[in-house]
Amino acid sequence: MMKAISLRLKLDQYKRLRWLSFVEGRPMSLLIRDALDAYLREKQQPSPGQEWFWTEAWQAAEREVEADLAAGGHETFDTMEDFLKDLK
């Protein structure tokens, strides 16, 4: 789902964006969206050693678990003893 955003630009920022829009022949909204996408991609890089979590296979498994939890596929135990009894 796409959400609307509002940006408050300083006059010089607006002028530069307007000029860039003219030079590239693209609407300012697309230039802003592309800049935000690039910023978010850069900030969402995994921490070193955590790359495995973002592999497609692991993410597919995460989605499967989330769907199972949402469908009520889990049990809650009050104590560790209750949990261990259930395993038998």
Protein backbone atom coordinates (compact mmCIF):
# COMPACT_ATOMS: atom_id res chain seq x y z
CA MET A 1 0.00 0.00 0.00
CA MET A 2 1.39 3.35 -1.00
CA LYS A 3 1.08 6.21 1.46
CA ALA A 4 1.12 9.90 0.72
CA ILE A 5 3.93 12.01 2.06
CA SER A 6 4.38 15.73 2.37
CA LEU A 7 7.73 17.45 1.97
CA ARG A 8 8.57 20.96 3.04
CA LEU A 9 11.42 22.17 0.86
CA LYS A 10 13.46 25.32 1.21
CA LEU A 11 13.22 27.62 -1.79
CA ASP A 12 16.70 26.71 -3.06
CA GLN A 13 15.91 22.98 -2.75
CA TYR A 14 12.68 23.45 -4.68
CA LYS A 15 14.47 25.39 -7.42
CA ARG A 16 17.13 22.67 -7.78
CA LEU A 17 14.47 19.96 -7.92
CA ARG A 18 12.48 21.93 -10.48
CA TRP A 19 15.60 22.41 -12.60
CA LEU A 20 16.49 18.71 -12.36
CA SER A 21 12.94 17.81 -13.34
CA PHE A 22 13.25 20.00 -16.43
CA VAL A 23 16.69 18.65 -17.39
CA GLU A 24 15.70 14.99 -16.95
CA GLY A 25 12.22 15.45 -18.37
CA ARG A 26 10.67 13.69 -15.40
CA PRO A 27 8.09 14.89 -12.89
CA MET A 28 9.42 16.09 -9.54
CA SER A 29 7.31 13.47 -7.77
CA LEU A 30 9.19 10.67 -9.55
CA LEU A 31 12.56 12.23 -8.77
CA ILE A 32 11.59 12.43 -5.09
CA ARG A 33 10.28 8.85 -5.07
CA ASP A 34 13.47 7.53 -6.68
CA ALA A 35 15.62 9.42 -4.18
CA LEU A 36 13.58 8.04 -1.26
CA ASP A 37 13.76 4.50 -2.66
CA ALA A 38 17.55 4.75 -2.99
CA TYR A 39 17.86 6.12 0.54
CA LEU A 40 15.70 3.35 2.01
CA ARG A 41 17.59 0.62 0.11
CA GLU A 42 20.86 1.97 1.46
CA LYS A 43 19.54 2.12 5.04
CA GLN A 44 18.03 -1.36 4.85
CA GLN A 45 21.28 -3.15 4.14
CA PRO A 46 21.68 -6.07 6.55
CA SER A 47 24.17 -5.83 9.36
CA PRO A 48 27.38 -7.77 8.71
CA GLY A 49 26.80 -11.42 9.58
CA GLN A 50 23.02 -11.13 9.17
CA GLU A 51 22.85 -11.58 5.38
CA TRP A 52 21.44 -15.12 5.73
CA PHE A 53 18.24 -13.72 7.27
CA TRP A 54 17.49 -11.75 4.09
CA THR A 55 17.92 -14.62 1.64
CA GLU A 56 14.77 -15.47 -0.32
CA ALA A 57 14.58 -18.96 1.20
CA TRP A 58 14.73 -17.61 4.76
CA GLN A 59 12.21 -14.87 4.02
CA ALA A 60 9.84 -17.45 2.49
CA ALA A 61 10.08 -19.46 5.70
CA GLU A 62 9.43 -16.30 7.76
CA ARG A 63 6.29 -15.58 5.70
CA GLU A 64 5.12 -19.17 6.20
CA VAL A 65 5.55 -18.91 9.97
CA GLU A 66 3.77 -15.53 10.10
CA ALA A 67 0.83 -16.99 8.15
CA ASP A 68 0.69 -20.00 10.47
CA LEU A 69 0.72 -17.78 13.56
CA ALA A 70 -2.01 -15.56 12.10
CA ALA A 71 -4.12 -18.67 11.47
CA GLY A 72 -3.78 -19.67 15.12
CA GLY A 73 -1.18 -22.40 14.60
CA HIS A 74 0.49 -22.07 17.98
CA GLU A 75 0.11 -23.08 21.60
CA THR A 76 0.83 -21.16 24.78
CA PHE A 77 2.22 -22.78 27.91
CA ASP A 78 2.16 -21.36 31.43
CA THR A 79 5.27 -23.19 32.59
CA MET A 80 8.29 -24.95 31.15
CA GLU A 81 7.04 -28.16 32.75
CA ASP A 82 3.75 -27.91 30.83
CA PHE A 83 5.69 -27.38 27.62
CA LEU A 84 7.94 -30.38 28.26
CA LYS A 85 4.94 -32.61 29.11
CA ASP A 86 3.35 -31.65 25.80
CA LEU A 87 6.45 -32.77 23.90
CA LYS A 88 6.05 -36.36 25.13
